[in-house]
Structure formats: C-alpha cells, structure tokens
Protein backbone atom coordinates (compact mmCIF):
# COMPACT_ATOMS: atom_id res chain seq x y z
CA UNK A 1 105.82 -1.26 -19.22
CA UNK A 2 106.63 2.59 -18.08
CA UNK A 3 110.62 1.50 -18.95
CA UNK A 4 110.86 3.72 -21.70
CA UNK A 5 108.86 6.90 -19.78
CA UNK A 6 110.82 6.36 -16.88
CA UNK A 7 114.10 6.52 -18.90
CA UNK A 8 112.61 9.82 -20.83
CA UNK A 9 111.97 11.46 -17.30
CA UNK A 10 115.69 10.39 -15.93
CA UNK A 11 117.21 11.68 -19.41
CA UNK A 12 115.33 14.96 -19.04
CA UNK A 13 116.45 15.17 -15.34
CA UNK A 14 119.86 14.77 -16.13
CA UNK A 15 120.08 17.43 -18.86
CA UNK A 16 118.21 19.77 -16.28
CA UNK A 17 121.01 19.18 -13.96
CA UNK A 18 123.58 19.54 -15.97
CA UNK A 19 122.03 23.01 -17.45
CA UNK A 20 121.39 24.49 -13.63
CA UNK A 21 125.40 23.02 -12.46
CA UNK A 22 126.52 25.02 -15.45
CA UNK A 23 124.56 28.07 -14.97
CA UNK A 24 125.42 27.74 -11.42
CA UNK A 25 129.41 27.44 -12.61
CA UNK A 26 128.50 30.78 -14.52
CA UNK A 27 126.97 32.51 -12.31
CA UNK A 28 129.90 31.81 -9.07
CA UNK A 29 132.55 32.71 -12.26
CA UNK A 30 130.90 36.03 -13.47
CA UNK A 31 130.86 34.54 -16.94
CA UNK A 32 127.50 36.88 -17.49
CA UNK A 33 127.49 36.65 -21.24
CA UNK A 34 127.41 32.69 -20.91
CA UNK A 35 124.48 32.91 -18.28
CA UNK A 36 122.48 34.85 -20.12
CA UNK A 37 122.50 32.26 -22.80
CA UNK A 38 121.77 29.44 -20.58
CA UNK A 39 118.79 31.00 -18.68
CA UNK A 40 116.72 30.22 -21.59
CA UNK A 41 117.49 26.48 -22.11
CA UNK A 42 116.96 26.13 -18.81
CA UNK A 43 113.32 27.65 -18.97
CA UNK A 44 112.54 25.55 -21.87
CA UNK A 45 113.68 22.42 -19.94
CA UNK A 46 111.53 23.68 -17.39
CA UNK A 47 108.59 23.98 -19.71
CA UNK A 48 109.04 21.02 -21.59
CA UNK A 49 109.10 18.96 -18.49
CA UNK A 50 106.07 20.68 -17.18
CA UNK A 51 104.40 19.91 -20.32
CA UNK A 52 105.49 16.01 -20.26
CA UNK A 53 104.02 15.75 -16.98
CA UNK A 54 100.67 17.18 -17.72
CA UNK A 55 100.21 15.42 -21.00
CA UNK A 56 100.75 12.41 -18.56
CA UNK A 57 98.16 13.75 -16.05
CA UNK A 58 95.81 14.04 -18.91
CA UNK A 59 95.99 10.56 -20.29
CA UNK A 60 95.54 9.31 -16.23
CA UNK A 61 92.57 11.93 -16.14
CA UNK A 62 91.25 9.96 -18.88
CA UNK A 63 91.94 6.78 -17.81
CA UNK A 64 90.25 7.22 -14.72
CA UNK A 65 86.97 8.54 -16.05
CA UNK A 66 86.72 5.61 -18.00
CA UNK A 67 87.12 3.37 -15.29
CA UNK A 68 84.67 5.52 -13.30
CA UNK A 69 82.00 5.11 -16.13
CA UNK A 70 83.11 1.77 -16.14
CA UNK A 71 83.76 2.33 -19.94
CA UNK A 72 86.28 -0.39 -20.59
CA UNK A 73 85.48 -0.03 -24.03
CA UNK A 74 87.46 2.92 -24.56
CA UNK A 75 90.98 2.74 -26.80
CA UNK A 76 93.93 5.38 -26.21
CA UNK A 77 95.54 5.58 -29.81
CA UNK A 78 99.18 4.40 -29.38
CA UNK A 79 100.73 5.33 -32.53
CA UNK A 80 99.31 8.94 -32.37
CA UNK A 81 100.75 9.61 -29.02
CA UNK A 82 103.86 11.08 -28.27
CA UNK A 83 107.08 8.75 -28.11
CA UNK A 84 106.88 9.13 -24.41
CA UNK A 85 103.54 8.30 -23.89
CA UNK A 86 103.05 5.52 -26.64
CA UNK A 87 104.10 3.01 -23.23
CA UNK A 88 101.35 4.64 -20.92
CA UNK A 89 98.64 4.72 -23.47
CA UNK A 90 99.56 0.97 -24.26
CA UNK A 91 99.40 0.23 -20.50
CA UNK A 92 96.07 2.00 -20.25
CA UNK A 93 94.93 -0.42 -23.06
CA UNK A 94 95.99 -3.20 -21.70
CA UNK A 95 94.31 -2.46 -18.39
CA UNK A 96 90.63 -1.92 -20.11
CA UNK A 97 91.29 -5.11 -22.17
CA UNK A 98 91.65 -7.05 -18.75
CA UNK A 99 89.00 -5.10 -16.68
CA UNK A 100 86.58 -5.85 -20.29
CA UNK A 101 87.21 -9.35 -19.91
CA UNK A 102 86.54 -9.88 -16.13
CA UNK A 103 83.55 -7.54 -16.40
CA UNK A 104 82.27 -9.67 -19.34
CA UNK A 105 82.92 -12.76 -16.85
CA UNK A 106 80.88 -11.14 -14.30
CA UNK A 107 78.21 -10.44 -16.40
CA UNK A 108 77.74 -14.06 -17.57
CA UNK A 109 77.86 -15.51 -14.29
CA UNK A 110 75.11 -12.99 -13.25
CA UNK A 111 73.22 -13.91 -16.44
CA UNK A 112 73.81 -17.79 -15.76
CA UNK A 113 72.88 -16.77 -12.01
CA UNK A 114 69.51 -15.34 -13.05
CA UNK A 115 68.21 -18.19 -15.12
CA UNK A 116 69.26 -20.75 -12.64
CA UNK A 117 66.82 -18.99 -10.04
CA UNK A 118 64.13 -18.50 -12.46
CA UNK A 119 64.43 -21.86 -13.49
CA UNK A 120 63.65 -23.17 -9.85
CA UNK A 121 60.18 -23.58 -8.23
CA UNK A 122 61.24 -22.20 -5.21
CA UNK A 123 60.22 -18.35 -4.49
CA UNK A 124 63.40 -16.35 -3.56
CA UNK A 125 62.60 -12.60 -2.44
CA UNK A 126 65.90 -10.31 -1.72
CA UNK A 127 65.14 -6.77 0.35
CA UNK A 128 66.74 -4.20 1.85
CA UNK A 129 66.38 -4.48 5.87
CA UNK A 130 66.51 -0.84 6.63
CA UNK A 131 64.64 0.28 3.70
CA UNK A 132 62.45 -2.68 3.38
CA UNK A 133 63.39 -2.18 -0.63
CA UNK A 134 62.57 -4.98 -2.63
CA UNK A 135 65.70 -5.68 -4.89
CA UNK A 136 64.91 -8.80 -6.43
CA UNK A 137 62.16 -11.43 -6.59
CA UNK A 138 62.18 -14.49 -9.11
CA UNK A 139 58.81 -15.52 -11.77
CA UNK A 140 58.51 -18.83 -9.41
CA UNK A 141 57.58 -16.17 -6.54
CA UNK A 142 55.60 -13.82 -8.63
CA UNK A 143 53.77 -17.44 -9.97
CA UNK A 144 53.51 -18.77 -6.48
CA UNK A 145 51.76 -15.44 -4.77
CA UNK A 146 50.07 -14.04 -7.86
CA UNK A 147 51.93 -10.91 -7.62
CA UNK A 148 53.70 -8.75 -10.62
CA UNK A 149 55.85 -6.70 -8.43
CA UNK A 150 56.91 -5.57 -5.29
CA UNK A 151 58.16 -2.35 -4.45
CA UNK A 152 58.65 -2.56 -0.94
CA UNK A 153 58.30 -5.78 1.15
CA UNK A 154 55.87 -3.91 3.13
CA UNK A 155 53.46 -3.90 0.44
CA UNK A 156 53.07 -7.69 0.57
CA UNK A 157 50.66 -6.62 3.77
CA UNK A 158 48.25 -4.92 1.96
CA UNK A 159 47.62 -8.65 -0.33
CA UNK A 160 48.21 -11.07 2.82
CA UNK A 161 48.86 -9.60 6.19
CA UNK A 162 49.33 -13.11 7.44
CA UNK A 163 52.07 -14.45 5.55
CA UNK A 164 53.61 -10.77 6.01
CA UNK A 165 53.49 -10.90 9.41
CA UNK A 166 55.41 -14.45 8.99
CA UNK A 167 58.40 -13.49 6.76
CA UNK A 168 59.14 -10.32 8.95
CA UNK A 169 59.18 -12.15 12.54
CA UNK A 170 61.37 -15.09 11.12
CA UNK A 171 64.41 -15.19 12.59
CA UNK A 172 67.65 -15.21 10.34
CA UNK A 173 69.10 -19.02 9.66
CA UNK A 174 65.62 -20.53 10.60
CA UNK A 175 62.75 -22.24 8.72
CA UNK A 176 58.97 -22.44 9.65
CA UNK A 177 55.78 -23.25 7.64
CA UNK A 178 53.33 -20.13 7.10
CA UNK A 179 49.80 -20.09 5.47
CA UNK A 180 49.51 -17.80 2.32
CA UNK A 181 46.26 -16.87 0.47
CA UNK A 182 46.01 -17.27 -3.48
CA UNK A 183 42.92 -15.94 -4.49
CA UNK A 184 41.47 -16.65 -0.74
CA UNK A 185 42.60 -20.62 -1.30
CA UNK A 186 45.30 -20.96 1.48
CA UNK A 187 48.34 -23.03 0.99
CA UNK A 188 51.27 -23.81 3.30
CA UNK A 189 54.38 -22.86 2.69
CA UNK A 190 58.14 -23.39 4.09
CA UNK A 191 59.86 -19.92 4.49
CA UNK A 192 63.53 -19.97 4.96
CA UNK A 193 65.92 -16.84 5.66
CA UNK A 194 69.38 -15.45 5.68
CA UNK A 195 71.50 -12.38 5.29
CA UNK A 196 73.90 -10.58 3.99
CA UNK A 197 75.97 -7.26 3.61
CA UNK A 198 77.12 -5.49 0.78
CA UNK A 199 78.35 -1.85 0.42
CA UNK A 200 77.60 -0.96 4.02
CA UNK A 201 74.11 -2.02 3.32
CA UNK A 202 72.11 -5.32 4.65
CA UNK A 203 69.88 -7.48 2.92
CA UNK A 204 67.56 -10.22 3.81
CA UNK A 205 67.10 -13.33 1.51
CA UNK A 206 63.58 -15.39 1.58
CA UNK A 207 62.76 -18.39 0.38
CA UNK A 208 59.19 -19.43 -0.61
CA UNK A 209 58.67 -23.13 -1.08
CA UNK A 210 55.25 -24.82 -1.50
CA UNK A 211 55.09 -27.68 0.65
CA UNK A 212 51.01 -27.80 0.33
CA UNK A 213 51.18 -31.05 -2.02
CA UNK A 214 53.87 -32.75 0.38
CA UNK A 215 52.19 -31.58 3.48
CA UNK A 216 48.73 -33.26 1.89
CA UNK A 217 50.48 -36.56 1.05
CA UNK A 218 52.13 -37.02 4.40
CA UNK A 219 48.73 -36.26 6.28
CA UNK A 220 47.08 -38.38 4.02
CA UNK A 221 49.44 -41.13 4.75
CA UNK A 222 49.07 -40.77 8.45
CA UNK A 223 45.30 -40.77 8.15
CA UNK A 224 45.30 -43.83 5.87
CA UNK A 225 47.62 -45.52 8.74
CA UNK A 226 45.17 -44.63 11.53
CA UNK A 227 41.90 -45.78 9.76
CA UNK A 228 43.51 -49.05 8.93
CA UNK A 229 44.76 -49.53 12.77
CA UNK A 230 41.21 -48.49 13.81
CA UNK A 231 39.26 -50.20 11.19
CA UNK A 232 41.22 -53.35 12.21
CA UNK A 233 40.64 -53.08 16.01
CA UNK A 234 36.89 -52.01 15.83
CA UNK A 235 36.12 -54.96 13.53
CA UNK A 236 37.89 -57.37 15.70
CA UNK A 237 36.25 -56.19 19.15
CA UNK A 238 33.12 -55.53 17.86
CA UNK A 239 32.39 -58.75 15.97
CA UNK A 240 32.39 -61.04 18.46
CA UNK A 241 30.02 -58.86 20.85
CA UNK A 242 27.65 -58.61 17.62
CA UNK A 243 27.94 -61.98 17.19
CA UNK A 244 27.31 -63.03 20.56
CA UNK A 245 24.14 -60.31 21.14
CA UNK A 246 22.63 -62.32 18.03
CA UNK A 247 23.04 -65.78 19.39
CA UNK A 248 21.50 -64.22 23.20
CA UNK A 249 18.67 -62.87 21.47
CA UNK A 250 17.72 -66.12 19.75
CA UNK A 251 18.17 -67.95 23.12
CA UNK A 252 15.73 -65.59 25.05
CA UNK A 253 13.33 -65.87 21.83
CA UNK A 254 13.56 -69.94 22.49
CA UNK A 255 13.00 -69.06 26.06
CA UNK A 256 10.14 -67.00 26.15
CA UNK A 257 7.55 -69.36 26.86
CA UNK A 258 9.04 -70.57 29.94
CA UNK A 259 9.16 -67.32 31.59
CA UNK A 260 6.06 -66.43 34.12
CA UNK A 261 4.00 -63.56 33.48
CA UNK A 262 5.10 -61.65 36.83
CA UNK A 263 9.02 -61.84 35.23
CA UNK A 264 7.83 -60.67 31.66
CA UNK A 265 8.62 -57.28 32.12
CA UNK A 266 12.01 -57.94 33.33
CA UNK A 267 12.66 -60.32 30.25
CA UNK A 268 11.25 -57.91 27.85
CA UNK A 269 14.19 -55.33 29.04
CA UNK A 270 16.75 -57.91 29.07
CA UNK A 271 15.43 -58.63 25.71
CA UNK A 272 15.50 -54.91 24.36
CA UNK A 273 18.73 -54.55 26.17
CA UNK A 274 20.85 -57.48 24.21
CA UNK A 275 18.88 -56.12 20.84
CA UNK A 276 20.25 -52.68 21.63
CA UNK A 277 23.37 -54.05 21.83
CA UNK A 278 23.31 -56.22 18.50
CA UNK A 279 22.25 -52.83 16.61
CA UNK A 280 25.34 -50.79 17.78
CA UNK A 281 27.61 -53.14 17.13
CA UNK A 282 26.29 -53.44 13.78
CA UNK A 283 26.56 -49.93 13.29
CA UNK A 284 30.23 -49.70 14.25
CA UNK A 285 31.15 -52.23 12.12
CA UNK A 286 29.16 -50.92 9.25
CA UNK A 287 30.75 -47.54 10.48
CA UNK A 288 34.30 -49.16 10.24
CA UNK A 289 33.86 -50.87 6.41
CA UNK A 290 32.72 -47.52 5.11
CA UNK A 291 35.95 -45.74 6.51
CA UNK A 292 37.60 -48.49 5.28
CA UNK A 293 36.90 -47.59 2.25
CA UNK A 294 39.34 -44.45 1.97
CA UNK A 295 42.09 -47.08 2.13
CA UNK A 296 40.81 -49.11 -0.72
CA UNK A 297 41.06 -46.74 -3.86
CA UNK A 298 41.87 -48.98 -6.87
CA UNK A 299 44.86 -48.22 -8.96
CA UNK A 300 44.04 -45.85 -11.78
CA UNK A 301 42.51 -46.79 -15.13
CA UNK A 302 43.59 -43.18 -16.79
CA UNK A 303 42.21 -42.20 -20.15
CA UNK A 304 41.68 -38.95 -22.01
CA UNK A 305 38.38 -37.46 -21.46
CA UNK A 306 36.86 -34.76 -23.20
CA UNK A 307 35.85 -31.94 -20.06
CA UNK A 308 32.45 -31.47 -21.73
CA UNK A 309 31.76 -35.25 -21.90
CA UNK A 310 32.20 -35.16 -17.84
CA UNK A 311 29.92 -32.31 -17.56
CA UNK A 312 27.29 -33.57 -20.05
CA UNK A 313 27.32 -36.87 -17.96
CA UNK A 314 26.60 -34.84 -14.37
CA UNK A 315 24.06 -32.61 -16.35
CA UNK A 316 22.09 -35.35 -17.32
CA UNK A 317 22.46 -37.39 -13.98
CA UNK A 318 21.80 -34.85 -11.81
CA UNK A 319 19.07 -33.29 -14.04
CA UNK A 320 16.21 -34.98 -12.23
CA UNK A 321 17.29 -33.92 -8.36
CA UNK A 322 18.17 -30.17 -9.83
CA UNK A 323 14.75 -29.76 -11.54
CA UNK A 324 12.60 -31.45 -8.30
CA UNK A 325 14.71 -28.97 -6.04
CA UNK A 326 14.16 -26.13 -8.61
CA UNK A 327 17.94 -25.70 -8.62
CA UNK A 328 19.46 -24.04 -11.38
CA UNK A 329 22.64 -25.47 -13.17
CA UNK A 330 25.04 -23.32 -15.23
CA UNK A 331 27.67 -25.01 -17.11
CA UNK A 332 30.51 -22.77 -18.37
CA UNK A 333 32.99 -24.30 -20.79
CA UNK A 334 35.39 -21.96 -22.95
CA UNK A 335 37.60 -24.42 -24.39
CA UNK A 336 35.27 -27.28 -25.54
CA UNK A 337 38.59 -29.49 -26.78
CA UNK A 338 39.52 -29.60 -22.82
CA UNK A 339 41.05 -32.62 -21.96
CA UNK A 340 42.00 -34.15 -18.53
CA UNK A 341 43.97 -37.90 -18.23
CA UNK A 342 42.01 -39.12 -15.38
CA UNK A 343 39.93 -42.10 -14.06
CA UNK A 344 36.41 -41.35 -15.42
CA UNK A 345 34.34 -43.34 -12.78
CA UNK A 346 36.49 -41.86 -9.88
CA UNK A 347 36.36 -38.43 -10.81
CA UNK A 348 32.69 -38.83 -11.68
CA UNK A 349 32.08 -39.99 -7.65
CA UNK A 350 34.27 -36.36 -6.91
CA UNK A 351 31.63 -34.82 -9.17
CA UNK A 352 28.78 -36.24 -7.60
CA UNK A 353 29.79 -35.53 -4.11
CA UNK A 354 30.68 -32.01 -4.72
CA UNK A 355 27.27 -31.38 -6.60
CA UNK A 356 25.60 -33.49 -3.84
CA UNK A 357 26.90 -30.82 -1.11
CA UNK A 358 25.95 -27.90 -3.26
CA UNK A 359 22.78 -29.10 -3.38
CA UNK A 360 22.55 -29.08 0.11
CA UNK A 361 24.31 -26.03 0.72
CA UNK A 362 21.95 -23.75 -1.76
CA UNK A 363 18.51 -25.75 -0.08
CA UNK A 364 17.76 -22.18 1.45
CA UNK A 365 18.34 -19.82 -1.14
CA UNK A 366 15.50 -18.34 -3.17
CA UNK A 367 17.13 -18.56 -6.39
CA UNK A 368 19.78 -21.38 -5.94
CA UNK A 369 22.63 -21.97 -8.68
CA UNK A 370 25.44 -24.08 -9.05
CA UNK A 371 27.73 -23.87 -11.43
CA UNK A 372 30.60 -26.46 -13.19
CA UNK A 373 33.23 -24.31 -15.31
CA UNK A 374 36.88 -25.62 -16.43
CA UNK A 375 39.95 -23.38 -17.72
CA UNK A 376 43.76 -23.55 -18.19
CA UNK A 377 45.96 -21.73 -15.30
CA UNK A 378 48.85 -19.49 -16.53
CA UNK A 379 51.04 -22.36 -14.78
CA UNK A 380 49.57 -24.63 -17.60
CA UNK A 381 47.04 -26.69 -15.27
CA UNK A 382 43.54 -27.91 -15.78
CA UNK A 383 40.90 -26.71 -13.27
CA UNK A 384 37.41 -27.91 -12.88
CA UNK A 385 35.11 -25.72 -10.61
CA UNK A 386 32.20 -26.65 -8.97
CA UNK A 387 30.93 -23.51 -7.15
CA UNK A 388 27.47 -22.72 -5.57
CA UNK A 389 25.79 -19.87 -4.32
CA UNK A 390 24.74 -21.15 -0.91
CA UNK A 391 25.43 -20.54 2.61
CA UNK A 392 29.09 -20.69 2.88
CA UNK A 393 31.46 -21.87 5.52
CA UNK A 394 33.19 -19.91 8.00
CA UNK A 395 37.40 -19.51 7.42
CA UNK A 396 37.98 -21.82 10.56
CA UNK A 397 36.16 -24.78 8.84
CA UNK A 398 37.89 -24.63 6.13
CA UNK A 399 41.40 -26.43 7.28
CA UNK A 400 39.23 -29.31 8.73
CA UNK A 401 36.31 -30.01 5.96
CA UNK A 402 38.99 -32.79 4.08
CA UNK A 403 39.82 -34.63 7.27
CA UNK A 404 38.36 -38.11 7.94
CA UNK A 405 35.13 -37.68 10.63
CA UNK A 406 34.65 -34.19 10.23
CA UNK A 407 31.75 -33.06 8.86
CA UNK A 408 29.52 -30.20 8.90
CA UNK A 409 26.46 -31.82 8.36
CA UNK A 410 24.22 -33.40 11.42
CA UNK A 411 23.65 -36.80 9.35
CA UNK A 412 26.81 -36.47 7.69
CA UNK A 413 29.71 -39.55 8.01
CA UNK A 414 32.85 -37.18 7.21
CA UNK A 415 33.77 -39.45 4.83
CA UNK A 416 32.96 -37.60 1.08
CA UNK A 417 35.33 -34.65 1.09
CA UNK A 418 38.19 -37.04 2.33
CA UNK A 419 37.43 -39.69 -0.52
CA UNK A 420 37.38 -36.73 -2.90
CA UNK A 421 41.00 -35.81 -1.60
CA UNK A 422 42.36 -39.36 -1.83
CA UNK A 423 40.87 -39.45 -5.45
CA UNK A 424 42.39 -35.93 -6.55
CA UNK A 425 45.93 -36.98 -4.97
CA UNK A 426 45.76 -40.47 -6.44
CA UNK A 427 45.83 -38.18 -9.79
CA UNK A 428 48.60 -35.99 -8.53
CA UNK A 429 46.43 -33.32 -8.41
CA UNK A 430 44.93 -31.33 -5.63
CA UNK A 431 41.76 -30.23 -4.54
CA UNK A 432 41.24 -26.70 -2.97
CA UNK A 433 37.99 -25.15 -1.04
CA UNK A 434 37.25 -21.16 -1.45
CA UNK A 435 34.24 -19.92 0.80
CA UNK A 436 32.71 -17.14 2.15
CA UNK A 437 29.49 -17.04 4.81
CA UNK A 438 26.38 -16.09 2.92
CA UNK A 439 28.31 -15.69 -0.36
CA UNK A 440 28.63 -19.46 -1.22
CA UNK A 441 31.53 -22.13 -2.27
CA UNK A 442 33.89 -23.16 -4.61
CA UNK A 443 35.44 -26.69 -5.01
CA UNK A 444 38.39 -26.43 -7.31
CA UNK A 445 39.82 -29.81 -8.83
CA UNK A 446 43.47 -28.77 -10.23
CA UNK A 447 45.02 -31.64 -12.45
C-alpha cells in the first residue's frame, strides 16, 4: 500500500542527488554562473522534501492520536490528500476499519459474557487484591447477600463479618462451605476462589453458591436413614421385652395367692420391677413409632389455596386457646389474592405446630402477641411468616432446632420442627428461623 509513496521518495532523492552532483561538478570547474542557478533548485528540493515528510509525520500523528483514544471511527480523506499521501491515508483507513471490527467483536463477546454471568444462579465477585477495590459483582450475588453495591471487599465486613473473614482467608484454588446471614437468617454458601493478573495488577475472583437447600436435603436423607434403622432396631428389640414383661406380670398375678405373708414384700417388689420394665418398654415403642412419622409423609395432594383462607382457618382453630391465654393474634396480608400451591392438610399442620410453639414462647410476656403475615420476595418467592414477641432463642440454638430429637422444652419430643422441615422440603420450599433473646422469634416458610 505504500509502494507509490516509496517511489515518490526514491524519485525525489534521485533528483536531489543529481542536482547536488551537478552543483559539485560546477563548483569544481569554477562555473560560478551556472552554480548560482543550481543552488536555488537544491534549496527548493530540500524544502519540498521536508514538507513531504512533515505532511507524512502530521498524518502519522493524527493516526496515533486516534489509536490512543480508540477513535476508530475517524476517517482520513484520501481524495483530498496530496497524491503522494493518498496511499498512506488509505492504509490508515484500512487499519482503522480492522481495529473497529476487532473492537466491535470484543465488545460483543464482553456483553455476551456479562449476560451469561447475570443469568447464572452463582454469585460472582472480583476485586483487586492490593487495594481491595471491587471490580465487578453480578446480580445473583447482590440478591444472595442483599447488597446493592460494594465499593471494596472490606465493606462486606460491616454487613457480615463472619462471611468476610471466610472470603479473605480462602486459599486460591480451594473451596469451603461458609455461613452467610440474610436479614438475621443464616444460610450455607459454597465459596470458591481463583486469581488472575492483568496490566500488572492481581485480582481475586470469588464464586458464591447457595447450597443451603442441597445440604438440607442431604441432611434430611441422612436423618431418615438413621431413623429408619433406629426405629427398626428399637421395635425389634423392645417388642419381645414388652410382651415378655406382660406375660410375667400375668403369671405373678395368678400366683399371688400362693405367696406366704413373710415373702409378700419381696413378691411385690418383683411385681413392681416387672411392671416398670413393661411400662418403659411400651414407652420406647411409642417413642419409636412417633419418630417413624418423619419417614411417613405421604405424597402431596397439591392445589392452589388462598393464603387468606389458611390464615382464617388458623384463626378460627386457635382462637379459643388464644382467648383463654389472653394472647393477641395479628393477621397481616397486604395482598388478599396471594395464592400458594400446597397440600392444605400438611401446611395447616406446619402452621399449627409453629403457633403452638409461639404460644409457649410468649407465656411469660405481659402483652403477648403472635402475628401471621405473607408477602412476595424480590426473587418472586412467597413467604408465610409466623412471629411472636416471646423469649427468643440464643444464636447457638438456631442451627439445632430442626434436628430430630432436639427440643428446648422439658417435655418436648423434638419432632415438631423436624416434621415442619420435612413437609416444607416436600413442597420444594424451606423453613428458616430468625430469633433474638428477649425480642422474639419468627419462622419463615418460603415457597
């Protein structure tokens, strides 16, 4: 493309060489008159050659400026340029078109990648390792942590110190499960980290994946297997003991008249001991049968139900008990047309369990209040909330209350909340708890 420009330079250099050679010949032969005529020609050729290079340099400067500012839309007019500069301008235009095409392709790829990252459920955060400045975070992460913006990674410490500490201590190339807090509700996230370097700066890329539901499902299946084995072994071992103790008691009762008065006290002790064995055996059998219910949740009979109808049923059912205990129940429903697709019988059982727990929690309060509410979340989930202003629970208990056998009540079986969780998981939903000591507790059913 520069061939014509090169020939122009070669021609001008050749003419200058001939003129200077002629001037040198005239000077050596003392032909001063002709020398005076040749010198202006040499001066003209030098000035013309300088102007040619100056024009070319100006064109190059303009082109470099357009590259520096990435102004690839700039067009160099070829037709209006001097003949010797037309190939140069045409070359610049061709380069600009190529760079414009490359830039457009990169921009398309960048937009495409951004759209993909916005669609995935995994939260992604990138920050500069030296300054901590957050370079990019996708919408999934903003929804997961409920933060609209993070200027630096250190800003996360003000919202969730525990999660911030886990993120900062996470080794590159490794993964770990950490606990995040969302409106005082803890949930599990899988953190993965990698790093990359560009333009002399190091960046750390963190992936946040909500694994709370997956862990709940795995834990639930583990408990089901354990309960299945446990109840099977207890019932197989205890049933013969119960039967044998009942038989022995009957045998003792039929032989009581044969016992002499001096041996009557020992006989009664023996009878009492066998009766105790029988009662405890029956208690263990009943205990095992109760926990077997955790594995006996039937297939769901789903149908669309108005939340207001669920609340009305609960209010009607629990009103006598609430009035007797002088407990106020608030029902808050901003959208009366809110509908959930549920098994009515099972969800009513969940709500009854939660309300009964709330009644127990507020019994020491001077003005006890239990509230039922429902609403849509920003990520289009429906939440039914059962809250009370009772005694609350310390944070260390919140991870344990859904475990089978665990109960904070002296007479509790530890099956109620476990059963609630099983029912919610059957509905492809989950149950979460928020609580503070002396402030109250709220259970959230998410559908």
